[in-house]
Amino acid sequence: MEGERILMLLLCNYYVTYRCNAFCKFCHFGVHENFKDTPFADLEVYKDNIRQLSELGVKFLDLTGGEPLLHKDIHLMAEYAKQHKMQTSITS
């Protein structure tokens, strides 16, 4: 296997919502009508995704959006990723 590259998925940026309550001039999430009424990520779907990502070897998870802190279950999402040995960050 000399010279063969092994590719691993180590980091995942997970969009928990596209909604945002800020109106930053440099960002399109807060001002664009298409994102205004988008649904939040479903917690059970998220958990299934995290299980699969963990099996693939993901070690780092960034919960992002829009504004991820608008998600009512953001604390549960971070805790669930931690239970799956993922180092978790939130990009707000």
N, C-alpha and C. Protein backbone atom coordinates (compact mmCIF):
# COMPACT_ATOMS: atom_id res chain seq x y z
N MET A 1 0.81 -1.18 0.00
CA MET A 1 0.00 0.00 0.00
C MET A 1 0.86 1.25 0.00
N GLU A 2 2.06 1.11 -0.40
CA GLU A 2 2.96 2.25 -0.45
C GLU A 2 2.45 3.27 -1.46
N GLY A 3 2.43 4.53 -1.04
CA GLY A 3 1.97 5.59 -1.92
C GLY A 3 0.46 5.76 -1.94
N GLU A 4 -0.26 4.86 -1.29
CA GLU A 4 -1.72 4.96 -1.27
C GLU A 4 -2.15 5.93 -0.17
N ARG A 5 -3.06 6.81 -0.51
CA ARG A 5 -3.56 7.78 0.47
C ARG A 5 -4.83 7.26 1.11
N ILE A 6 -4.93 7.49 2.40
CA ILE A 6 -6.15 7.14 3.13
C ILE A 6 -6.83 8.45 3.51
N LEU A 7 -8.04 8.64 3.04
CA LEU A 7 -8.78 9.85 3.34
C LEU A 7 -9.74 9.60 4.50
N MET A 8 -9.73 10.51 5.44
CA MET A 8 -10.62 10.39 6.58
C MET A 8 -11.42 11.67 6.73
N LEU A 9 -12.65 11.51 7.11
CA LEU A 9 -13.50 12.64 7.42
C LEU A 9 -13.32 12.94 8.90
N LEU A 10 -12.71 14.07 9.23
CA LEU A 10 -12.42 14.41 10.62
C LEU A 10 -13.32 15.50 11.18
N LEU A 11 -13.76 16.42 10.33
CA LEU A 11 -14.51 17.59 10.77
C LEU A 11 -15.83 17.69 10.02
N CYS A 12 -16.89 18.03 10.76
CA CYS A 12 -18.18 18.26 10.14
C CYS A 12 -18.73 19.60 10.60
N ASN A 13 -19.13 20.44 9.65
CA ASN A 13 -19.88 21.66 9.95
C ASN A 13 -21.36 21.31 9.80
N TYR A 14 -22.09 21.32 10.89
CA TYR A 14 -23.49 20.89 10.90
C TYR A 14 -24.39 22.11 11.07
N TYR A 15 -25.19 22.39 10.06
CA TYR A 15 -26.10 23.52 10.10
C TYR A 15 -27.37 23.13 10.85
N VAL A 16 -27.56 23.67 12.04
CA VAL A 16 -28.74 23.33 12.85
C VAL A 16 -29.92 24.22 12.50
N THR A 17 -29.66 25.35 11.85
CA THR A 17 -30.71 26.25 11.36
C THR A 17 -30.10 27.21 10.36
N TYR A 18 -30.94 27.73 9.49
CA TYR A 18 -30.51 28.81 8.60
C TYR A 18 -31.08 30.14 9.08
N ARG A 19 -31.89 30.11 10.13
CA ARG A 19 -32.47 31.34 10.67
C ARG A 19 -31.41 32.14 11.42
N CYS A 20 -31.62 33.45 11.43
CA CYS A 20 -30.70 34.31 12.17
C CYS A 20 -31.44 35.57 12.60
N ASN A 21 -31.14 36.01 13.81
CA ASN A 21 -31.78 37.22 14.33
C ASN A 21 -30.86 38.44 14.25
N ALA A 22 -29.73 38.29 13.61
CA ALA A 22 -28.81 39.41 13.39
C ALA A 22 -28.92 39.84 11.93
N PHE A 23 -28.54 41.02 11.66
CA PHE A 23 -28.60 41.53 10.29
C PHE A 23 -27.23 42.07 9.88
N CYS A 24 -26.24 41.22 9.99
CA CYS A 24 -24.87 41.61 9.65
C CYS A 24 -24.78 41.92 8.16
N LYS A 25 -24.15 43.00 7.81
CA LYS A 25 -24.05 43.42 6.42
C LYS A 25 -23.25 42.44 5.56
N PHE A 26 -22.33 41.73 6.18
CA PHE A 26 -21.47 40.82 5.43
C PHE A 26 -22.07 39.43 5.27
N CYS A 27 -23.24 39.18 5.86
CA CYS A 27 -23.81 37.83 5.87
C CYS A 27 -25.20 37.83 5.25
N HIS A 28 -25.52 36.76 4.53
CA HIS A 28 -26.81 36.68 3.84
C HIS A 28 -27.91 36.00 4.66
N PHE A 29 -27.59 35.33 5.76
CA PHE A 29 -28.60 34.58 6.51
C PHE A 29 -29.67 35.46 7.13
N GLY A 30 -29.29 36.54 7.76
CA GLY A 30 -30.26 37.38 8.46
C GLY A 30 -31.16 38.20 7.57
N VAL A 31 -30.71 38.50 6.36
CA VAL A 31 -31.45 39.41 5.50
C VAL A 31 -32.22 38.73 4.37
N HIS A 32 -31.89 37.52 4.05
CA HIS A 32 -32.51 36.87 2.90
C HIS A 32 -33.83 36.21 3.28
N GLU A 33 -34.87 36.51 2.53
CA GLU A 33 -36.22 35.99 2.80
C GLU A 33 -36.29 34.46 2.77
N ASN A 34 -35.48 33.82 1.95
CA ASN A 34 -35.53 32.36 1.83
C ASN A 34 -35.19 31.64 3.13
N PHE A 35 -34.46 32.28 4.03
CA PHE A 35 -34.04 31.63 5.27
C PHE A 35 -34.97 31.92 6.44
N LYS A 36 -35.88 32.87 6.27
CA LYS A 36 -36.71 33.37 7.36
C LYS A 36 -37.54 32.28 8.04
N ASP A 37 -38.16 31.41 7.28
CA ASP A 37 -39.08 30.41 7.84
C ASP A 37 -38.59 28.98 7.67
N THR A 38 -37.30 28.80 7.48
CA THR A 38 -36.79 27.44 7.33
C THR A 38 -36.90 26.69 8.66
N PRO A 39 -37.13 25.39 8.60
CA PRO A 39 -37.26 24.62 9.85
C PRO A 39 -35.91 24.44 10.54
N PHE A 40 -35.97 24.22 11.84
CA PHE A 40 -34.77 23.88 12.59
C PHE A 40 -34.46 22.40 12.37
N ALA A 41 -33.21 22.02 12.52
CA ALA A 41 -32.82 20.62 12.41
C ALA A 41 -33.58 19.80 13.45
N ASP A 42 -34.13 18.68 13.03
CA ASP A 42 -34.85 17.78 13.92
C ASP A 42 -33.86 17.04 14.82
N LEU A 43 -34.14 16.98 16.11
CA LEU A 43 -33.21 16.39 17.07
C LEU A 43 -32.97 14.91 16.79
N GLU A 44 -33.99 14.15 16.45
CA GLU A 44 -33.81 12.72 16.20
C GLU A 44 -33.02 12.47 14.93
N VAL A 45 -33.25 13.26 13.91
CA VAL A 45 -32.46 13.16 12.67
C VAL A 45 -31.01 13.51 12.97
N TYR A 46 -30.81 14.57 13.75
CA TYR A 46 -29.47 14.98 14.17
C TYR A 46 -28.75 13.83 14.88
N LYS A 47 -29.43 13.19 15.83
CA LYS A 47 -28.81 12.08 16.57
C LYS A 47 -28.41 10.95 15.64
N ASP A 48 -29.26 10.64 14.69
CA ASP A 48 -28.93 9.60 13.71
C ASP A 48 -27.71 10.02 12.89
N ASN A 49 -27.67 11.27 12.47
CA ASN A 49 -26.51 11.78 11.72
C ASN A 49 -25.24 11.70 12.54
N ILE A 50 -25.31 12.05 13.82
CA ILE A 50 -24.13 12.02 14.69
C ILE A 50 -23.63 10.59 14.86
N ARG A 51 -24.54 9.65 15.03
CA ARG A 51 -24.13 8.23 15.13
C ARG A 51 -23.37 7.81 13.87
N GLN A 52 -23.91 8.18 12.72
CA GLN A 52 -23.26 7.82 11.46
C GLN A 52 -21.91 8.52 11.30
N LEU A 53 -21.86 9.80 11.63
CA LEU A 53 -20.60 10.54 11.54
C LEU A 53 -19.55 9.95 12.47
N SER A 54 -19.97 9.54 13.65
CA SER A 54 -19.06 8.92 14.61
C SER A 54 -18.48 7.63 14.04
N GLU A 55 -19.34 6.84 13.42
CA GLU A 55 -18.89 5.58 12.79
C GLU A 55 -17.89 5.84 11.67
N LEU A 56 -18.02 6.99 11.01
CA LEU A 56 -17.10 7.36 9.93
C LEU A 56 -15.78 7.93 10.45
N GLY A 57 -15.72 8.17 11.76
CA GLY A 57 -14.47 8.64 12.36
C GLY A 57 -14.39 10.14 12.59
N VAL A 58 -15.50 10.84 12.47
CA VAL A 58 -15.49 12.29 12.71
C VAL A 58 -15.12 12.56 14.16
N LYS A 59 -14.17 13.46 14.37
CA LYS A 59 -13.69 13.80 15.71
C LYS A 59 -14.06 15.21 16.14
N PHE A 60 -14.35 16.08 15.17
CA PHE A 60 -14.64 17.49 15.45
C PHE A 60 -15.97 17.86 14.80
N LEU A 61 -16.83 18.49 15.58
CA LEU A 61 -18.15 18.90 15.09
C LEU A 61 -18.34 20.38 15.38
N ASP A 62 -18.68 21.14 14.35
CA ASP A 62 -18.99 22.55 14.52
C ASP A 62 -20.48 22.73 14.26
N LEU A 63 -21.21 23.13 15.29
CA LEU A 63 -22.64 23.43 15.16
C LEU A 63 -22.75 24.87 14.70
N THR A 64 -23.38 25.07 13.55
CA THR A 64 -23.38 26.39 12.93
C THR A 64 -24.74 26.69 12.33
N GLY A 65 -24.83 27.75 11.59
CA GLY A 65 -26.07 28.14 10.95
C GLY A 65 -25.82 29.33 10.03
N GLY A 66 -26.79 30.05 9.89
CA GLY A 66 -27.62 30.89 10.67
C GLY A 66 -27.04 31.08 12.09
N GLU A 67 -27.94 31.29 12.98
CA GLU A 67 -27.59 31.47 14.40
C GLU A 67 -27.97 30.21 15.16
N PRO A 68 -26.99 29.32 15.42
CA PRO A 68 -27.28 28.03 16.05
C PRO A 68 -27.87 28.15 17.46
N LEU A 69 -27.60 29.26 18.14
CA LEU A 69 -28.12 29.41 19.50
C LEU A 69 -29.63 29.68 19.52
N LEU A 70 -30.25 29.87 18.36
CA LEU A 70 -31.71 29.98 18.29
C LEU A 70 -32.39 28.62 18.42
N HIS A 71 -31.64 27.55 18.18
CA HIS A 71 -32.22 26.20 18.25
C HIS A 71 -32.49 25.84 19.71
N LYS A 72 -33.72 25.46 20.02
CA LYS A 72 -34.09 25.18 21.42
C LYS A 72 -33.34 23.98 22.00
N ASP A 73 -32.82 23.11 21.17
CA ASP A 73 -32.13 21.90 21.64
C ASP A 73 -30.62 21.97 21.47
N ILE A 74 -30.06 23.15 21.28
CA ILE A 74 -28.63 23.26 20.99
C ILE A 74 -27.78 22.63 22.10
N HIS A 75 -28.20 22.77 23.34
CA HIS A 75 -27.45 22.18 24.46
C HIS A 75 -27.50 20.66 24.41
N LEU A 76 -28.63 20.10 24.00
CA LEU A 76 -28.74 18.64 23.85
C LEU A 76 -27.89 18.15 22.68
N MET A 77 -27.83 18.93 21.63
CA MET A 77 -27.03 18.57 20.47
C MET A 77 -25.55 18.53 20.82
N ALA A 78 -25.08 19.55 21.54
CA ALA A 78 -23.68 19.58 21.94
C ALA A 78 -23.36 18.41 22.87
N GLU A 79 -24.23 18.13 23.80
CA GLU A 79 -24.02 17.03 24.75
C GLU A 79 -24.00 15.68 24.03
N TYR A 80 -24.89 15.49 23.06
CA TYR A 80 -24.95 14.23 22.33
C TYR A 80 -23.66 13.99 21.54
N ALA A 81 -23.15 15.04 20.92
CA ALA A 81 -21.89 14.92 20.18
C ALA A 81 -20.75 14.57 21.14
N LYS A 82 -20.76 15.18 22.31
CA LYS A 82 -19.74 14.89 23.33
C LYS A 82 -19.79 13.43 23.75
N GLN A 83 -21.01 12.89 23.89
CA GLN A 83 -21.17 11.48 24.24
C GLN A 83 -20.58 10.56 23.18
N HIS A 84 -20.50 11.06 21.95
CA HIS A 84 -19.91 10.29 20.85
C HIS A 84 -18.45 10.68 20.61
N LYS A 85 -17.83 11.25 21.65
CA LYS A 85 -16.39 11.55 21.65
C LYS A 85 -15.99 12.57 20.58
N MET A 86 -16.90 13.49 20.27
CA MET A 86 -16.58 14.54 19.31
C MET A 86 -16.27 15.83 20.06
N GLN A 87 -15.18 16.47 19.68
CA GLN A 87 -14.88 17.80 20.21
C GLN A 87 -15.82 18.76 19.48
N THR A 88 -16.60 19.52 20.24
CA THR A 88 -17.68 20.30 19.66
C THR A 88 -17.47 21.80 19.85
N SER A 89 -17.75 22.54 18.79
CA SER A 89 -17.71 24.00 18.85
C SER A 89 -19.02 24.54 18.29
N ILE A 90 -19.32 25.78 18.62
CA ILE A 90 -20.50 26.45 18.09
C ILE A 90 -20.03 27.74 17.42
N THR A 91 -20.36 27.89 16.15
CA THR A 91 -20.05 29.11 15.43
C THR A 91 -21.31 29.94 15.37
N SER A 92 -21.29 31.04 16.10
CA SER A 92 -22.47 31.89 16.25
C SER A 92 -22.29 33.16 15.46
